[in-house]
Protein backbone atom coordinates (compact mmCIF):
# COMPACT_ATOMS: atom_id res chain seq x y z
CA MET A 1 21.77 -17.43 23.10
CA LYS A 2 18.92 -15.46 21.58
CA ILE A 3 20.19 -12.43 19.66
CA VAL A 4 18.14 -9.24 19.90
CA ASP A 5 19.23 -6.99 17.02
CA LEU A 6 18.04 -3.42 17.55
CA ARG A 7 20.68 -1.72 15.39
CA SER A 8 18.12 -0.89 12.69
CA ASP A 9 14.99 -2.16 11.00
CA THR A 10 17.23 -2.75 7.97
CA VAL A 11 18.34 -5.99 9.66
CA THR A 12 14.91 -7.55 9.15
CA HIS A 13 14.71 -10.62 6.96
CA PRO A 14 11.78 -11.89 4.89
CA THR A 15 8.88 -13.76 6.45
CA GLU A 16 7.94 -17.28 5.43
CA ALA A 17 5.06 -15.87 3.37
CA MET A 18 7.53 -13.67 1.49
CA ARG A 19 9.90 -16.57 0.83
CA ALA A 20 7.04 -18.64 -0.54
CA ALA A 21 5.88 -15.80 -2.78
CA MET A 22 9.42 -15.26 -4.05
CA ALA A 23 9.77 -18.93 -4.91
CA LYS A 24 6.58 -18.89 -7.00
CA ALA A 25 6.94 -15.41 -8.52
CA GLU A 26 6.07 -14.97 -12.17
CA VAL A 27 8.87 -13.00 -13.81
CA GLY A 28 9.89 -11.26 -17.03
CA ASP A 29 12.37 -8.63 -18.20
CA ASP A 30 11.60 -5.51 -16.19
CA VAL A 31 13.81 -3.20 -18.28
CA MET A 32 11.46 -4.10 -21.13
CA GLY A 33 8.50 -3.53 -18.81
CA GLU A 34 7.56 -7.22 -19.01
CA ASP A 35 7.89 -8.43 -15.43
CA PRO A 36 4.29 -8.93 -14.24
CA THR A 37 5.17 -9.06 -10.56
CA ILE A 38 7.19 -5.83 -10.75
CA ASN A 39 4.29 -4.20 -12.60
CA ALA A 40 1.85 -5.38 -9.93
CA LEU A 41 4.05 -4.01 -7.15
CA GLN A 42 4.48 -0.65 -8.87
CA LYS A 43 0.73 -0.36 -9.37
CA ALA A 44 -0.02 -1.32 -5.76
CA ALA A 45 2.61 1.11 -4.45
CA ALA A 46 1.25 3.99 -6.54
CA GLU A 47 -2.25 3.31 -5.25
CA ARG A 48 -0.99 3.32 -1.66
CA MET A 49 0.68 6.68 -2.24
CA GLY A 50 -2.22 8.18 -4.22
CA LYS A 51 0.00 8.68 -7.27
CA GLU A 52 -0.34 7.73 -10.93
CA ALA A 53 2.66 5.43 -11.24
CA GLY A 54 5.52 3.76 -9.39
CA LEU A 55 9.06 2.62 -10.10
CA PHE A 56 10.84 -0.20 -8.27
CA VAL A 57 14.43 0.64 -7.34
CA PRO A 58 17.08 -1.38 -5.50
CA SER A 59 17.35 1.03 -2.56
CA GLY A 60 15.88 4.11 -0.96
CA THR A 61 19.12 5.96 -1.63
CA MET A 62 18.73 5.31 -5.35
CA GLY A 63 15.05 6.25 -5.16
CA ASN A 64 15.84 9.63 -3.63
CA LEU A 65 18.67 10.22 -6.08
CA VAL A 66 16.50 9.31 -9.07
CA ALA A 67 13.81 11.69 -7.81
CA VAL A 68 16.21 14.62 -7.39
CA LEU A 69 17.87 14.01 -10.76
CA THR A 70 14.46 13.84 -12.43
CA HIS A 71 13.22 17.06 -10.86
CA CYS A 72 16.48 19.03 -11.22
CA GLY A 73 19.22 19.83 -13.70
CA ARG A 74 22.91 20.50 -13.17
CA GLY A 75 23.48 23.71 -11.22
CA ASP A 76 19.99 23.70 -9.71
CA GLU A 77 19.49 23.81 -5.96
CA ILE A 78 17.43 21.78 -3.51
CA ILE A 79 16.29 22.80 -0.03
CA LEU A 80 16.52 20.12 2.65
CA GLY A 81 17.29 19.64 6.34
CA ASN A 82 20.82 19.55 7.68
CA LEU A 83 19.98 16.27 9.44
CA SER A 84 18.19 14.70 6.49
CA HIS A 85 19.11 11.24 5.26
CA THR A 86 19.62 12.54 1.74
CA PHE A 87 22.19 15.07 2.96
CA ILE A 88 24.05 12.95 5.53
CA PHE A 89 23.78 9.30 4.51
CA GLU A 90 23.54 9.09 0.72
CA GLY A 91 27.15 9.65 -0.26
CA GLY A 92 26.65 13.15 -1.61
CA GLY A 93 25.06 11.62 -4.68
CA VAL A 94 22.96 14.64 -5.66
CA ALA A 95 26.13 16.74 -5.90
CA ALA A 96 28.56 14.09 -7.14
CA LEU A 97 26.32 12.61 -9.81
CA GLY A 98 23.84 15.39 -10.48
CA GLY A 99 25.82 18.58 -10.02
CA ILE A 100 22.96 19.76 -7.81
CA MET A 101 23.54 22.10 -4.87
CA PRO A 102 22.10 21.11 -1.48
CA HIS A 103 20.92 24.16 0.48
CA THR A 104 20.61 22.85 4.02
CA LEU A 105 18.47 24.43 6.72
CA PRO A 106 18.41 23.42 10.40
CA ASN A 107 16.04 20.62 11.30
CA LEU A 108 14.02 21.39 14.40
CA ALA A 109 13.90 18.76 17.14
CA ASP A 110 10.76 17.20 15.66
CA GLY A 111 12.21 16.99 12.14
CA ARG A 112 10.49 20.04 10.69
CA ILE A 113 12.23 22.87 8.85
CA ASP A 114 11.05 26.33 9.84
CA LEU A 115 8.64 27.58 7.18
CA ASP A 116 9.95 31.15 7.25
CA ALA A 117 13.50 29.90 6.82
CA MET A 118 12.36 27.73 3.94
CA GLN A 119 10.65 30.67 2.28
CA ASP A 120 13.74 32.85 2.74
CA ALA A 121 15.97 30.16 1.21
CA ILE A 122 14.18 30.26 -2.16
CA ARG A 123 16.44 32.08 -4.60
CA PRO A 124 15.35 35.15 -6.54
CA ASP A 125 15.58 35.17 -10.35
CA ASP A 126 19.21 36.27 -10.46
CA VAL A 127 21.88 35.08 -12.91
CA HIS A 128 24.40 35.11 -10.06
CA GLN A 129 22.55 32.42 -8.11
CA PRO A 130 21.46 28.82 -8.68
CA ILE A 131 17.81 28.12 -9.41
CA THR A 132 15.81 26.67 -6.53
CA ARG A 133 13.89 23.70 -7.93
CA LEU A 134 12.95 21.31 -5.16
CA ILE A 135 12.15 20.90 -1.46
CA VAL A 136 12.98 17.56 0.16
CA LEU A 137 11.27 16.42 3.38
CA GLU A 138 11.83 13.24 5.39
CA ASN A 139 8.93 11.47 7.12
CA THR A 140 9.48 9.82 9.55
CA HIS A 141 12.68 11.68 10.35
CA ASN A 142 15.48 9.28 11.17
CA ARG A 143 18.12 11.51 12.77
CA CYS A 144 15.53 13.42 14.79
CA GLY A 145 14.42 10.25 16.52
CA GLY A 146 11.83 8.68 14.20
CA THR A 147 9.66 11.78 14.57
CA ILE A 148 6.59 12.39 12.44
CA LEU A 149 5.93 15.37 10.21
CA LYS A 150 2.24 15.98 10.85
CA LEU A 151 -0.37 16.39 8.13
CA GLU A 152 -0.83 20.12 8.70
CA TYR A 153 2.90 20.75 8.24
CA MET A 154 3.05 18.60 5.11
CA ARG A 155 0.22 20.65 3.66
CA GLN A 156 1.88 23.93 4.62
CA VAL A 157 5.10 22.95 2.85
CA GLY A 158 3.13 21.78 -0.17
CA GLU A 159 1.37 25.13 -0.39
CA LEU A 160 4.66 27.00 -0.02
CA ALA A 161 6.21 24.92 -2.81
CA ARG A 162 3.28 25.47 -5.18
CA LYS A 163 3.25 29.22 -4.65
CA ALA A 164 6.98 29.37 -5.37
CA GLY A 165 6.76 27.10 -8.41
CA LEU A 166 8.85 24.40 -6.73
CA LYS A 167 8.49 20.63 -6.61
CA LEU A 168 8.22 18.68 -3.35
CA HIS A 169 9.84 15.28 -2.83
CA VAL A 170 9.23 13.21 0.30
CA ASP A 171 11.82 10.71 1.49
CA GLY A 172 9.20 8.44 2.98
CA ALA A 173 11.47 5.51 3.78
CA ARG A 174 9.29 4.93 6.85
CA ILE A 175 6.16 6.78 5.72
CA PHE A 176 3.98 3.85 6.76
CA ASN A 177 5.27 4.17 10.33
CA ALA A 178 4.14 7.79 10.28
CA ALA A 179 0.78 6.93 8.74
CA VAL A 180 0.02 4.14 11.22
CA ALA A 181 1.03 6.30 14.18
CA LEU A 182 -1.27 9.09 12.99
CA GLY A 183 -4.11 6.75 12.01
CA LEU A 184 -4.11 8.07 8.44
CA PRO A 185 -3.68 6.49 5.01
CA ALA A 186 -0.16 7.15 3.76
CA LYS A 187 -1.50 8.77 0.61
CA ILE A 188 -3.09 11.53 2.69
CA LEU A 189 0.26 12.37 4.28
CA VAL A 190 1.95 12.70 0.87
CA GLU A 191 -0.92 14.21 -1.11
CA GLN A 192 1.07 17.44 -1.52
CA ALA A 193 4.19 15.68 -2.78
CA ASP A 194 5.17 15.55 -6.43
CA SER A 195 7.19 12.43 -5.68
CA VAL A 196 7.71 10.07 -2.76
CA THR A 197 9.91 7.09 -2.01
CA PHE A 198 9.18 4.39 0.55
CA CYS A 199 11.29 1.46 1.67
CA LEU A 200 10.20 -2.16 1.53
CA SER A 201 13.27 -3.56 3.28
CA LYS A 202 13.07 -1.79 6.63
CA ALA A 203 10.10 -2.34 8.94
CA LEU A 204 8.12 -3.99 6.12
CA CYS A 205 10.66 -6.88 6.14
CA ALA A 206 11.14 -7.39 2.39
CA PRO A 207 14.74 -8.30 1.53
CA VAL A 208 15.45 -5.61 -1.07
CA GLY A 209 14.03 -2.47 -2.59
CA SER A 210 12.10 0.76 -2.48
CA VAL A 211 9.44 2.27 -4.70
CA LEU A 212 9.43 5.79 -6.14
CA CYS A 213 5.97 7.16 -6.93
CA GLY A 214 4.71 10.20 -8.82
CA THR A 215 2.88 11.20 -11.98
CA ALA A 216 3.06 8.97 -15.02
CA GLU A 217 5.16 11.59 -16.81
CA PHE A 218 7.56 11.88 -13.87
CA ILE A 219 8.00 8.11 -13.61
CA HIS A 220 8.60 7.86 -17.37
CA SER A 221 11.54 10.26 -16.98
CA ALA A 222 12.68 8.62 -13.74
CA ARG A 223 12.91 5.24 -15.49
CA ARG A 224 15.62 6.65 -17.78
CA ILE A 225 17.56 8.01 -14.79
CA ARG A 226 17.27 4.65 -13.03
CA LYS A 227 18.79 3.01 -16.10
CA GLN A 228 21.65 5.52 -16.16
CA LEU A 229 22.41 4.73 -12.52
CA GLY A 230 22.50 1.00 -13.19
CA GLY A 231 19.22 0.31 -11.41
CA GLY A 232 17.48 -1.44 -14.28
CA MET A 233 17.14 -5.08 -13.25
CA ARG A 234 15.82 -7.98 -15.27
CA GLN A 235 13.78 -10.77 -13.64
CA ALA A 236 13.35 -8.71 -10.48
CA GLY A 237 9.84 -9.98 -9.86
CA ILE A 238 11.39 -12.42 -7.39
CA LEU A 239 12.13 -9.38 -5.22
CA ALA A 240 8.85 -7.64 -5.99
CA ALA A 241 6.89 -10.66 -4.80
CA ALA A 242 8.17 -10.07 -1.28
CA GLY A 243 7.27 -6.40 -1.64
CA LEU A 244 3.66 -7.26 -2.46
CA VAL A 245 3.43 -9.42 0.66
CA ALA A 246 4.98 -6.56 2.64
CA LEU A 247 2.28 -4.13 1.51
CA ASP A 248 -0.49 -6.64 2.17
CA GLU A 249 0.63 -8.02 5.52
CA MET A 250 3.20 -5.79 7.22
CA VAL A 251 1.81 -2.25 7.23
CA GLU A 252 -1.05 -2.55 9.70
CA ARG A 253 1.08 -4.34 12.29
CA LEU A 254 3.59 -1.47 12.60
CA GLY A 255 1.73 -0.25 15.67
CA GLU A 256 3.18 -3.26 17.53
CA ASP A 257 6.69 -1.97 16.85
CA HIS A 258 5.69 1.47 18.13
CA ARG A 259 4.25 -0.05 21.30
CA ARG A 260 7.43 -2.00 21.97
CA ALA A 261 9.53 1.11 21.35
CA ARG A 262 7.54 2.93 24.03
CA THR A 263 8.00 0.02 26.44
CA LEU A 264 11.72 0.00 25.74
CA ALA A 265 11.98 3.78 26.18
CA ASN A 266 10.11 3.72 29.48
CA GLY A 267 12.32 0.91 30.76
CA LEU A 268 15.57 2.59 29.73
CA ALA A 269 14.45 5.85 31.34
CA GLY A 270 14.46 4.09 34.69
CA ILE A 271 18.02 2.81 34.43
CA PRO A 272 20.62 4.89 36.29
CA GLY A 273 23.21 6.26 33.91
CA LEU A 274 20.88 6.66 30.93
CA SER A 275 19.10 9.75 29.69
CA LEU A 276 16.16 9.34 27.31
CA ASP A 277 16.34 11.79 24.41
CA ASN A 278 12.59 11.91 23.79
CA SER A 279 10.09 11.06 26.50
CA VAL A 280 7.79 9.03 24.25
CA PRO A 281 8.96 7.79 20.84
CA ASP A 282 6.68 8.75 17.96
CA THR A 283 7.33 5.51 16.13
CA ASN A 284 9.86 2.66 16.28
CA MET A 285 13.07 4.48 17.23
CA VAL A 286 14.51 5.01 20.69
CA PHE A 287 17.48 7.32 21.32
CA VAL A 288 19.24 7.35 24.69
CA SER A 289 22.49 8.87 25.92
CA LEU A 290 24.94 8.05 28.67
CA LYS A 291 24.90 10.46 31.59
CA ASP A 292 28.06 12.35 32.48
CA ASN A 293 28.75 10.14 35.48
CA VAL A 294 29.09 6.98 33.36
CA PRO A 295 32.83 6.38 32.69
CA LEU A 296 32.22 4.53 29.42
CA TYR A 297 31.69 5.36 25.76
CA SER A 298 28.69 4.10 23.84
CA SER A 299 30.93 1.80 21.79
CA GLN A 300 32.18 0.14 24.99
CA VAL A 301 28.66 -0.32 26.31
CA ALA A 302 27.53 -1.70 22.95
CA ALA A 303 30.34 -4.25 22.95
CA ARG A 304 29.34 -5.47 26.42
CA LEU A 305 25.69 -5.63 25.40
CA THR A 306 26.65 -7.77 22.39
CA GLU A 307 28.20 -10.29 24.77
CA LYS A 308 24.75 -10.57 26.36
CA GLY A 309 23.01 -11.11 23.03
CA VAL A 310 21.80 -7.52 22.47
CA LYS A 311 22.96 -5.44 19.51
CA VAL A 312 22.37 -1.68 19.56
CA GLY A 313 23.39 1.18 17.30
CA THR A 314 25.80 3.90 18.39
CA VAL A 315 25.33 7.32 16.78
CA SER A 316 27.87 9.33 18.78
CA PRO A 317 30.45 8.63 21.51
CA ARG A 318 27.74 8.66 24.18
CA ARG A 319 24.51 8.10 22.30
CA PHE A 320 22.58 5.01 21.17
CA ARG A 321 19.83 4.34 18.64
CA MET A 322 17.55 1.32 18.94
CA VAL A 323 14.92 0.41 16.36
CA THR A 324 12.09 -2.04 16.95
CA HIS A 325 10.76 -4.20 14.13
CA TYR A 326 8.92 -7.41 13.26
CA TRP A 327 11.65 -9.67 14.62
CA ILE A 328 11.75 -7.98 18.05
CA ASP A 329 9.19 -9.44 20.45
CA ASP A 330 8.28 -8.62 24.05
CA GLU A 331 10.89 -11.05 25.36
CA GLY A 332 13.51 -9.23 23.31
CA ILE A 333 12.58 -5.95 24.98
CA GLU A 334 12.91 -7.56 28.41
CA GLN A 335 16.28 -9.06 27.46
CA THR A 336 17.50 -5.63 26.32
CA LEU A 337 16.47 -3.90 29.54
CA LYS A 338 18.08 -6.64 31.62
CA ALA A 339 21.31 -6.37 29.64
CA PHE A 340 21.51 -2.58 30.04
CA ASN A 341 20.91 -2.92 33.77
CA GLN A 342 23.71 -5.47 34.06
CA VAL A 343 26.20 -3.49 31.98
CA LEU A 344 25.54 -0.18 33.71
């Protein structure tokens, strides 16, 4: 039976071109700055993001944590969305390891944070209060349905941050999905950011890693934080080789994933018992919920779908998330729709 795994784009595995590149990768000691393949990836990543330098890290979670710890000191405060990945899904690292206060504001349905609310959240110079240091945005926004923060909004937040003397970090785990959907270079979307992370191991299919980008001075400091967190690896060029292939070969094709997500969403919308959360997905994520008349929980439906070779994510007792990626083809979309029809 063919397995269609839509639980996340984290389930992707490397392409044959990546495996070949990994097997032939030239390596050195990256902690000493001597791995040529790591250095090439960091340079290529920085160029893609329009920044001076890059730093390879094992995961996006570590990349975001390194960024926050580099920008902020203990007792400082960051402003971020209440549905942001950094707040919900990163183990409370900024607080536990950095002593940094998260000041959460409501995410709007499209992933934005209201600009007036953001402005009001910035602390005055008062010894009784923490110092606001950093704004964190997420683009695309996972929990809001893979939505895109548009260029105008990114620029507005950048201007707000500059006027207030704050730094701006972008959790751009799927920034290339946003860029492709908007028809813009990724570096234009993050031109206002002081730092940005992006993930190689989601829709770009590399097996491991993210890259944190920023100024040369910022990355110099971030390298020390990475070491403190245990993220300094040695002959990691074997991993970076796959990342280079990902940047060269996997970015421009992301539009195919978006197209399949729209096809999936349209098909699910026509199935009795399902309610589509967003009419047309911005990128590669589809969220649907069970209608009130369905006497099942999402976990029960997911278990029955698995028996038919379709794996889906459940994000609440009656809600699903499905993510298209390189290893999901048109036949996989058809198989998924058929399975939902049979189960419901």
